[in-house]
Amino acid sequence: MSVVGLFSGIGGFERAFSEVGFETALLVEIDPAARAVLKARFPDVEVRSDVCDLSSLPSGATVVTAGFPCQNLSMAGDKAGISGSKSSVVEKLFDLIAASGPPIVIVENVYFMLQLDSGGAMEWLVERFERLGYRWAYRVLDTMGFGLPQRRRRVYMLACRDMDPRTILFADDEPPMDMPSPSLRYPLGFYWTEGRSGIGLTVDGIPPLKAGSTLGIPSAPAVLFPDGAVLMPSLQSCEELQGFPAGWTSVEDDHRDRNPEWRMVGNAVSVPVARWIAERIGTPGTISDFGETAIGRGDRWPDAGWNVGDSRVGVVAGDKPVVAKARSISGFRDHSWSRLSDRAMNGFIARAEEGGLRMPDGFLDTLRKAERKVPKAA
C-alpha cells in the first residue's frame, strides 16, 4: 500500500507508515526547511513544494495524509477558523479527493478545532467528506498515552471510501492513565513563555511542543525536577519526544531562517500515534463496545465520533487506545538540557504572579532559588 503525504511537515505520518511497511509515493510541503528534511530522510521519494500545484494524486495511492496548517484553529493562533488565510488551504485537499478518490484519507489537527466557532471547522470537514461519499470517524489521541512524556492531544480523523473507519480508530481502548496530583515530588513541565492565563502544567512530562509561544519565541517548555533544577530539553530530546530519532531535522540547507527546527518539531505529527493508525489500517480490528450519543446539527463536538450508519454519533472513548509503558521525562534529561536565563525566569515568575494562577505548593519559590544560565562573557 502506498501513502501520499500532503502538508507533510517533517514526515511524521510517513515515517510511521514506512515502519509498518507502506511505501511513500509523494510528499508535499511548502516550508523550505521542512522540505529539506523530507528530501534528506526520504531520498527516493518525489517531494513537491505546493499542494495547490497538484491537479491529481498519484494513481494507486492507498492513503492520503493531511496534517494541514493549524495557525487559524489553535488556541495560540488567531482563531480565524477553517476559512483563515493558512488553514483554508485544506480546500485543495478536497479538490484532490474529488478528482482521484483515494480509499483512505487521514486528517490531523489541534484539539481546539472541536471547540472553535462552535466546532465550525469539524462541521466543514465532515460535510465535505459526506458529500464525496466517505464514511468518517475521528478520535482525540494523546501522545502521552503512547509512551512518550508529552501531553499532546490531537484530533485524528479517518475518512474511508470502502472500509469501515471504526475498525481502525475504535478497535482498541485502554483505561486512562492514573496521573498523580501536581507536587514538587514529581517533575513538572510548564511553559515559561506564558504565565498570565495558563502554563500548561504537566506532571512528569511536558506540555505540547508547539511552533512558537505567546512571546513569539521558538523554544521548548521547561521542567522543574525534584532536585530543584529547572531545565529546557534540547532540540534532540524534543525530536525524540515526538517519536523521531535525535537529529532528524539536522540536515544541510542553505535557505533556512533562524531556528526553524523548533517550529518544525512543534508542528510535527507524533510518530507513535501515526504508527498505531498505520498498523490498524494494515490489520483492521473488531470494533470495541463504546457508549454512543447522537450528534445533532449545531451540537458540541465530542472527543470522538463517527457517521457510519444513518446519523452522526458521538462516542465515549478515551485518548489512550493502546498499552504503552509510561516513560518519565527524567529519562530524557541529559547534559544537552539547558537552564533558563535570569530574564526568562524572572519574566515567567512575574507573569505568573500577575495572573494569580494556582500553582503547586512551593513551585514559584523553588523557581526563584533555581540556578540560572550563566551569561556569556562580553
Protein backbone atom coordinates (compact mmCIF):
# COMPACT_ATOMS: atom_id res chain seq x y z
CA MET A 1 0.00 0.00 0.00
CA SER A 2 1.21 3.50 -0.78
CA VAL A 3 0.98 6.83 1.02
CA VAL A 4 0.74 10.38 -0.30
CA GLY A 5 1.67 12.99 2.29
CA LEU A 6 0.09 16.42 1.85
CA PHE A 7 1.19 19.16 4.28
CA SER A 8 3.89 16.64 5.22
CA GLY A 9 5.92 18.74 7.65
CA ILE A 10 8.96 16.68 8.60
CA GLY A 11 7.30 13.38 7.75
CA GLY A 12 5.74 12.11 10.99
CA PHE A 13 2.98 10.22 9.22
CA GLU A 14 5.29 8.94 6.52
CA ARG A 15 8.00 7.72 8.90
CA ALA A 16 5.36 5.85 10.90
CA PHE A 17 3.77 4.30 7.82
CA SER A 18 7.14 3.28 6.39
CA GLU A 19 7.97 1.49 9.65
CA VAL A 20 4.84 -0.61 9.16
CA GLY A 21 5.66 -1.42 5.53
CA PHE A 22 3.84 1.21 3.47
CA GLU A 23 5.59 2.88 0.56
CA THR A 24 5.59 6.67 0.24
CA ALA A 25 4.62 7.77 -3.27
CA LEU A 26 4.71 11.56 -2.91
CA LEU A 27 5.42 14.23 -0.30
CA VAL A 28 4.19 17.83 -0.48
CA GLU A 29 5.38 20.58 1.87
CA ILE A 30 5.54 24.34 1.37
CA ASP A 31 8.04 25.14 4.17
CA PRO A 32 11.54 25.11 2.57
CA ALA A 33 13.25 23.99 5.79
CA ALA A 34 10.83 21.10 6.31
CA ARG A 35 11.13 20.21 2.63
CA ALA A 36 14.89 19.91 3.06
CA VAL A 37 14.31 17.43 5.90
CA LEU A 38 11.95 15.39 3.73
CA LYS A 39 14.43 15.24 0.87
CA ALA A 40 17.18 14.09 3.23
CA ARG A 41 15.09 11.50 5.10
CA PHE A 42 13.10 10.20 2.10
CA PRO A 43 15.74 10.40 -0.65
CA ASP A 44 13.89 8.13 -3.08
CA VAL A 45 10.55 9.95 -2.87
CA GLU A 46 9.41 12.87 -5.01
CA VAL A 47 8.96 16.00 -2.89
CA ARG A 48 6.77 18.81 -4.21
CA SER A 49 6.53 22.31 -2.77
CA ASP A 50 2.88 23.36 -3.01
CA VAL A 51 -0.28 21.30 -2.75
CA CYS A 52 -2.06 23.97 -4.82
CA ASP A 53 0.07 23.00 -7.82
CA LEU A 54 -1.29 19.43 -7.86
CA SER A 55 -4.12 18.57 -10.23
CA SER A 56 -4.44 14.94 -9.11
CA LEU A 57 -2.93 12.35 -6.78
CA PRO A 58 -0.64 9.53 -7.94
CA SER A 59 -2.65 6.61 -9.29
CA GLY A 60 -2.95 3.71 -6.91
CA ALA A 61 -2.40 5.77 -3.75
CA THR A 62 -3.99 3.94 -0.82
CA VAL A 63 -3.69 6.51 1.95
CA VAL A 64 -3.59 10.32 1.84
CA THR A 65 -2.35 12.05 4.98
CA ALA A 66 -3.09 15.70 5.68
CA GLY A 67 -1.87 17.45 8.82
CA PHE A 68 -3.00 20.76 7.37
CA PRO A 69 -1.96 24.13 8.88
CA CYS A 70 -3.39 24.81 12.33
CA GLN A 71 -2.49 28.50 12.75
CA ASN A 72 -6.12 29.61 12.37
CA LEU A 73 -7.51 26.77 14.50
CA SER A 74 -5.28 26.59 17.58
CA MET A 75 -5.81 28.27 20.92
CA ALA A 76 -2.48 30.05 20.46
CA GLY A 77 -3.32 31.19 16.92
CA ASP A 78 -5.55 33.95 15.59
CA LYS A 79 -8.71 31.76 15.82
CA ALA A 80 -9.84 32.79 12.33
CA GLY A 81 -11.17 29.28 11.77
CA ILE A 82 -11.13 26.94 8.79
CA SER A 83 -11.53 29.85 6.37
CA GLY A 84 -8.45 31.65 7.73
CA SER A 85 -5.56 32.52 5.45
CA LYS A 86 -3.47 29.47 6.48
CA SER A 87 -5.97 26.72 7.30
CA SER A 88 -8.20 27.36 4.27
CA VAL A 89 -5.65 25.61 2.06
CA VAL A 90 -7.35 22.38 3.18
CA GLU A 91 -9.94 23.12 0.46
CA LYS A 92 -7.35 21.89 -2.03
CA LEU A 93 -7.34 18.52 -0.25
CA PHE A 94 -10.98 18.03 -1.14
CA ASP A 95 -10.42 19.07 -4.75
CA LEU A 96 -7.80 16.31 -4.99
CA ILE A 97 -10.01 13.77 -3.24
CA ALA A 98 -12.86 14.53 -5.62
CA ALA A 99 -10.55 14.13 -8.62
CA SER A 100 -8.74 10.96 -7.51
CA GLY A 101 -10.95 9.19 -4.95
CA PRO A 102 -8.28 7.69 -2.65
CA PRO A 103 -9.56 4.82 -0.45
CA ILE A 104 -8.40 6.35 2.87
CA VAL A 105 -7.78 9.95 3.99
CA ILE A 106 -6.30 10.86 7.37
CA VAL A 107 -6.62 14.37 8.76
CA GLU A 108 -4.76 15.55 11.87
CA ASN A 109 -5.14 18.85 13.67
CA VAL A 110 -5.35 20.57 17.05
CA TYR A 111 -7.89 19.64 19.71
CA PHE A 112 -9.18 23.22 19.88
CA MET A 113 -10.65 22.67 16.41
CA LEU A 114 -13.56 20.87 18.09
CA GLN A 115 -14.45 23.96 20.13
CA LEU A 116 -13.51 26.97 18.00
CA ASP A 117 -16.50 28.74 16.48
CA SER A 118 -18.83 26.10 17.98
CA GLY A 119 -16.99 23.37 16.08
CA GLY A 120 -17.34 25.09 12.72
CA ALA A 121 -14.14 23.53 11.35
CA MET A 122 -15.32 20.00 12.14
CA GLU A 123 -18.70 20.69 10.59
CA TRP A 124 -16.96 21.95 7.45
CA LEU A 125 -14.74 18.85 7.24
CA VAL A 126 -17.41 16.24 7.83
CA GLU A 127 -19.84 17.85 5.38
CA ARG A 128 -17.27 17.71 2.62
CA PHE A 129 -16.36 14.10 3.32
CA GLU A 130 -20.05 13.20 3.35
CA ARG A 131 -20.68 14.96 0.04
CA LEU A 132 -17.93 12.85 -1.53
CA GLY A 133 -19.43 9.63 -0.20
CA TYR A 134 -16.86 8.89 2.52
CA ARG A 135 -17.63 7.38 5.90
CA TRP A 136 -15.66 9.07 8.65
CA ALA A 137 -14.57 8.53 12.21
CA TYR A 138 -12.44 10.71 14.46
CA ARG A 139 -10.87 10.43 17.87
CA VAL A 140 -8.77 12.66 20.11
CA LEU A 141 -5.50 10.85 20.88
CA ASP A 142 -2.77 11.87 23.34
CA THR A 143 0.92 11.27 22.64
CA MET A 144 1.41 10.62 26.36
CA GLY A 145 -0.79 7.53 26.07
CA PHE A 146 1.67 6.06 23.58
CA GLY A 147 4.61 6.02 25.98
CA LEU A 148 6.15 9.46 25.40
CA PRO A 149 6.00 12.03 28.23
CA GLN A 150 4.46 14.81 26.15
CA ARG A 151 0.84 15.78 26.78
CA ARG A 152 -0.25 16.31 23.18
CA ARG A 153 -3.94 15.81 22.41
CA ARG A 154 -4.76 15.96 18.72
CA VAL A 155 -7.77 15.15 16.55
CA TYR A 156 -7.17 12.24 14.17
CA MET A 157 -9.88 11.81 11.55
CA LEU A 158 -10.16 8.92 9.08
CA ALA A 159 -12.41 9.03 6.04
CA CYS A 160 -12.83 5.78 4.09
CA ARG A 161 -14.45 5.11 0.75
CA ASP A 162 -14.90 1.36 1.19
CA MET A 163 -13.77 0.07 4.60
CA ASP A 164 -15.29 0.89 7.97
CA PRO A 165 -13.11 3.56 9.67
CA ARG A 166 -14.27 2.33 13.08
CA THR A 167 -12.21 -0.85 12.62
CA ILE A 168 -9.14 1.40 12.63
CA LEU A 169 -9.80 4.08 15.24
CA PHE A 170 -12.14 2.17 17.55
CA ALA A 171 -10.76 -1.36 17.66
CA ASP A 172 -8.66 -0.57 20.75
CA ASP A 173 -9.17 1.15 24.07
CA GLU A 174 -7.37 1.21 27.40
CA PRO A 175 -8.17 2.82 30.77
CA PRO A 176 -6.87 6.37 31.21
CA MET A 177 -3.52 6.84 32.87
CA ASP A 178 -3.55 7.37 36.61
CA MET A 179 -1.81 10.73 36.90
CA PRO A 180 -0.74 11.97 40.34
CA SER A 181 -1.65 15.44 41.55
CA PRO A 182 0.99 18.09 40.77
CA SER A 183 3.57 18.38 43.52
CA LEU A 184 7.29 19.01 43.83
CA ARG A 185 7.83 15.27 44.34
CA TYR A 186 7.46 14.83 40.56
CA PRO A 187 9.00 16.56 37.55
CA LEU A 188 6.67 19.38 36.49
CA GLY A 189 6.66 20.58 32.88
CA PHE A 190 5.46 24.10 32.13
CA TYR A 191 5.61 26.83 29.51
CA TRP A 192 7.96 29.52 30.78
CA THR A 193 6.93 31.78 27.87
CA GLU A 194 3.42 32.03 29.32
CA GLY A 195 2.15 32.66 32.84
CA ARG A 196 -0.80 35.03 32.90
CA SER A 197 -3.62 32.76 31.75
CA GLY A 198 -2.03 29.31 31.95
CA ILE A 199 1.27 27.46 31.91
CA GLY A 200 0.34 24.00 30.63
CA LEU A 201 1.45 22.36 33.86
CA THR A 202 2.18 18.67 33.20
CA VAL A 203 3.13 16.05 35.78
CA ASP A 204 6.21 14.01 34.78
CA GLY A 205 6.11 15.28 31.23
CA ILE A 206 6.00 18.38 29.11
CA PRO A 207 3.05 20.32 27.69
CA PRO A 208 2.57 20.04 23.93
CA LEU A 209 5.52 21.12 21.83
CA LYS A 210 4.48 23.94 19.53
CA ALA A 211 5.85 26.06 16.75
CA GLY A 212 6.05 29.28 18.76
CA SER A 213 5.00 30.90 22.01
CA THR A 214 2.86 33.79 23.15
CA LEU A 215 6.13 35.77 23.26
CA GLY A 216 6.95 34.84 19.67
CA ILE A 217 9.89 32.70 20.79
CA PRO A 218 10.54 29.35 19.09
CA SER A 219 11.52 27.28 22.10
CA ALA A 220 10.81 24.27 24.26
CA PRO A 221 8.94 24.27 27.56
CA ALA A 222 10.83 23.83 30.83
CA VAL A 223 10.77 21.17 33.54
CA LEU A 224 11.18 21.68 37.28
CA PHE A 225 12.76 18.48 38.60
CA PRO A 226 12.51 17.23 42.21
CA ASP A 227 16.19 18.11 42.77
CA GLY A 228 15.34 21.79 42.15
CA ALA A 229 16.85 22.03 38.66
CA VAL A 230 14.83 23.95 36.07
CA LEU A 231 15.86 22.84 32.60
CA MET A 232 14.74 23.09 28.99
CA PRO A 233 15.04 19.98 26.79
CA SER A 234 17.36 20.21 23.83
CA LEU A 235 16.12 20.07 20.25
CA GLN A 236 17.35 16.48 20.02
CA SER A 237 15.32 15.48 23.09
CA CYS A 238 12.25 17.17 21.63
CA GLU A 239 12.67 15.23 18.40
CA GLU A 240 12.65 12.07 20.50
CA LEU A 241 9.61 13.31 22.43
CA GLN A 242 7.80 13.39 19.09
CA GLY A 243 8.99 9.88 18.24
CA PHE A 244 11.74 10.79 15.78
CA PRO A 245 15.40 9.82 16.09
CA ALA A 246 17.58 12.54 17.61
CA GLY A 247 18.99 14.66 14.81
CA TRP A 248 16.06 14.10 12.42
CA THR A 249 15.86 17.81 11.49
CA SER A 250 19.65 18.34 11.35
CA VAL A 251 20.18 18.41 7.59
CA GLU A 252 22.11 20.62 5.21
CA ASP A 253 20.04 23.53 3.93
CA ASP A 254 21.28 26.91 2.72
CA HIS A 255 17.87 28.62 2.86
CA ARG A 256 16.87 28.26 6.48
CA ASP A 257 15.51 31.06 8.61
CA ARG A 258 16.52 31.37 12.26
CA ASN A 259 15.96 28.22 14.33
CA PRO A 260 13.41 26.56 12.02
CA GLU A 261 13.96 23.21 13.73
CA TRP A 262 11.86 24.24 16.75
CA ARG A 263 9.00 25.28 14.52
CA MET A 264 9.19 22.06 12.53
CA VAL A 265 9.28 19.80 15.58
CA GLY A 266 6.41 21.74 17.18
CA ASN A 267 4.28 21.30 14.07
CA ALA A 268 5.06 17.60 13.61
CA VAL A 269 2.74 14.61 13.88
CA SER A 270 3.77 12.29 16.73
CA VAL A 271 5.22 9.15 15.17
CA PRO A 272 3.93 6.51 17.64
CA VAL A 273 0.34 7.73 17.28
CA ALA A 274 0.57 7.60 13.49
CA ARG A 275 2.21 4.15 13.71
CA TRP A 276 -0.77 2.74 15.62
CA ILE A 277 -3.12 4.06 12.93
CA ALA A 278 -0.93 2.57 10.19
CA GLU A 279 -0.88 -0.81 11.92
CA ARG A 280 -4.64 -0.82 12.21
CA ILE A 281 -5.08 0.10 8.55
CA GLY A 282 -2.96 -2.91 7.69
CA THR A 283 -4.85 -5.12 10.14
CA PRO A 284 -8.33 -3.77 10.94
CA GLY A 285 -9.77 -4.91 14.25
CA THR A 286 -13.12 -5.62 15.83
CA ILE A 287 -14.98 -2.52 16.95
CA SER A 288 -14.90 -2.22 20.73
CA ASP A 289 -18.01 -1.54 22.78
CA PHE A 290 -18.36 2.19 23.38
CA GLY A 291 -21.15 4.35 24.68
CA GLU A 292 -22.84 6.41 21.96
CA THR A 293 -24.77 9.66 21.77
CA ALA A 294 -26.36 11.34 18.77
CA ILE A 295 -24.63 14.41 17.32
CA GLY A 296 -27.25 16.85 16.08
CA ARG A 297 -26.63 19.76 13.78
CA GLY A 298 -25.14 22.55 15.85
CA ASP A 299 -24.32 20.28 18.81
CA ARG A 300 -20.97 20.44 20.56
CA TRP A 301 -18.48 18.05 19.00
CA PRO A 302 -17.37 15.36 21.47
CA ASP A 303 -13.83 13.96 21.69
CA ALA A 304 -14.71 11.05 19.39
CA GLY A 305 -17.38 10.19 16.84
CA TRP A 306 -18.38 8.60 13.52
CA ASN A 307 -21.04 8.74 10.82
CA VAL A 308 -21.21 5.05 9.91
CA GLY A 309 -24.91 4.28 9.52
CA ASP A 310 -27.76 6.72 9.29
CA SER A 311 -26.53 9.52 11.56
CA ARG A 312 -23.59 11.20 13.23
CA VAL A 313 -22.73 9.57 16.52
CA GLY A 314 -20.65 10.77 19.45
CA VAL A 315 -18.52 8.08 21.09
CA VAL A 316 -17.40 7.80 24.70
CA ALA A 317 -13.79 6.76 24.00
CA GLY A 318 -10.56 7.66 25.76
CA ASP A 319 -7.46 9.24 24.25
CA LYS A 320 -5.30 6.20 25.10
CA PRO A 321 -6.13 3.22 22.87
CA VAL A 322 -3.03 1.07 23.46
CA VAL A 323 -0.97 -0.50 26.21
CA ALA A 324 2.25 1.51 26.39
CA LYS A 325 4.74 1.71 29.21
CA ALA A 326 4.78 5.23 30.61
CA ARG A 327 8.19 6.86 30.45
CA SER A 328 9.32 9.53 32.85
CA ILE A 329 10.59 12.84 31.49
CA SER A 330 13.61 12.26 33.72
CA GLY A 331 14.72 9.54 31.30
CA PHE A 332 15.16 12.17 28.58
CA ARG A 333 17.22 14.54 30.75
CA ASP A 334 20.88 14.67 29.83
CA HIS A 335 23.78 17.12 29.53
CA SER A 336 22.23 18.78 26.47
CA TRP A 337 19.38 20.31 28.50
CA SER A 338 19.85 23.97 29.43
CA ARG A 339 18.89 26.38 32.21
CA LEU A 340 16.73 29.44 31.81
CA SER A 341 18.31 32.87 31.87
CA ASP A 342 17.62 35.38 34.64
CA ARG A 343 15.45 37.37 32.26
CA ALA A 344 13.40 34.34 31.19
CA MET A 345 12.90 33.01 34.71
CA ASN A 346 12.10 36.37 36.27
CA GLY A 347 9.72 37.21 33.43
CA PHE A 348 7.81 33.99 33.92
CA ILE A 349 7.59 34.43 37.69
CA ALA A 350 6.30 37.99 37.27
CA ARG A 351 3.63 36.92 34.76
CA ALA A 352 2.57 34.00 36.96
CA GLU A 353 2.16 36.32 39.94
CA GLU A 354 0.16 38.79 37.86
CA GLY A 355 -2.07 36.03 36.58
CA GLY A 356 -2.83 34.71 40.03
CA LEU A 357 -2.77 31.14 38.78
CA ARG A 358 -2.94 28.22 41.16
CA MET A 359 0.45 26.53 41.44
CA PRO A 360 1.65 23.52 43.41
CA ASP A 361 2.85 24.45 46.88
CA GLY A 362 6.39 25.81 46.72
CA PHE A 363 6.51 25.93 42.91
CA LEU A 364 7.36 29.62 42.43
CA ASP A 365 9.63 29.70 45.48
CA THR A 366 11.64 26.81 44.05
CA LEU A 367 11.90 28.61 40.71
CA ARG A 368 13.24 31.70 42.45
CA LYS A 369 16.03 29.64 44.02
CA ALA A 370 16.90 27.64 40.90
CA GLU A 371 20.25 28.05 39.19
CA ARG A 372 20.13 30.24 36.08
CA LYS A 373 22.02 30.20 32.82
CA VAL A 374 25.44 31.83 33.12
CA PRO A 375 25.62 34.81 30.74
CA LYS A 376 28.24 34.60 28.03
CA ALA A 377 31.28 36.80 28.53
CA ALA A 378 31.22 40.01 26.52
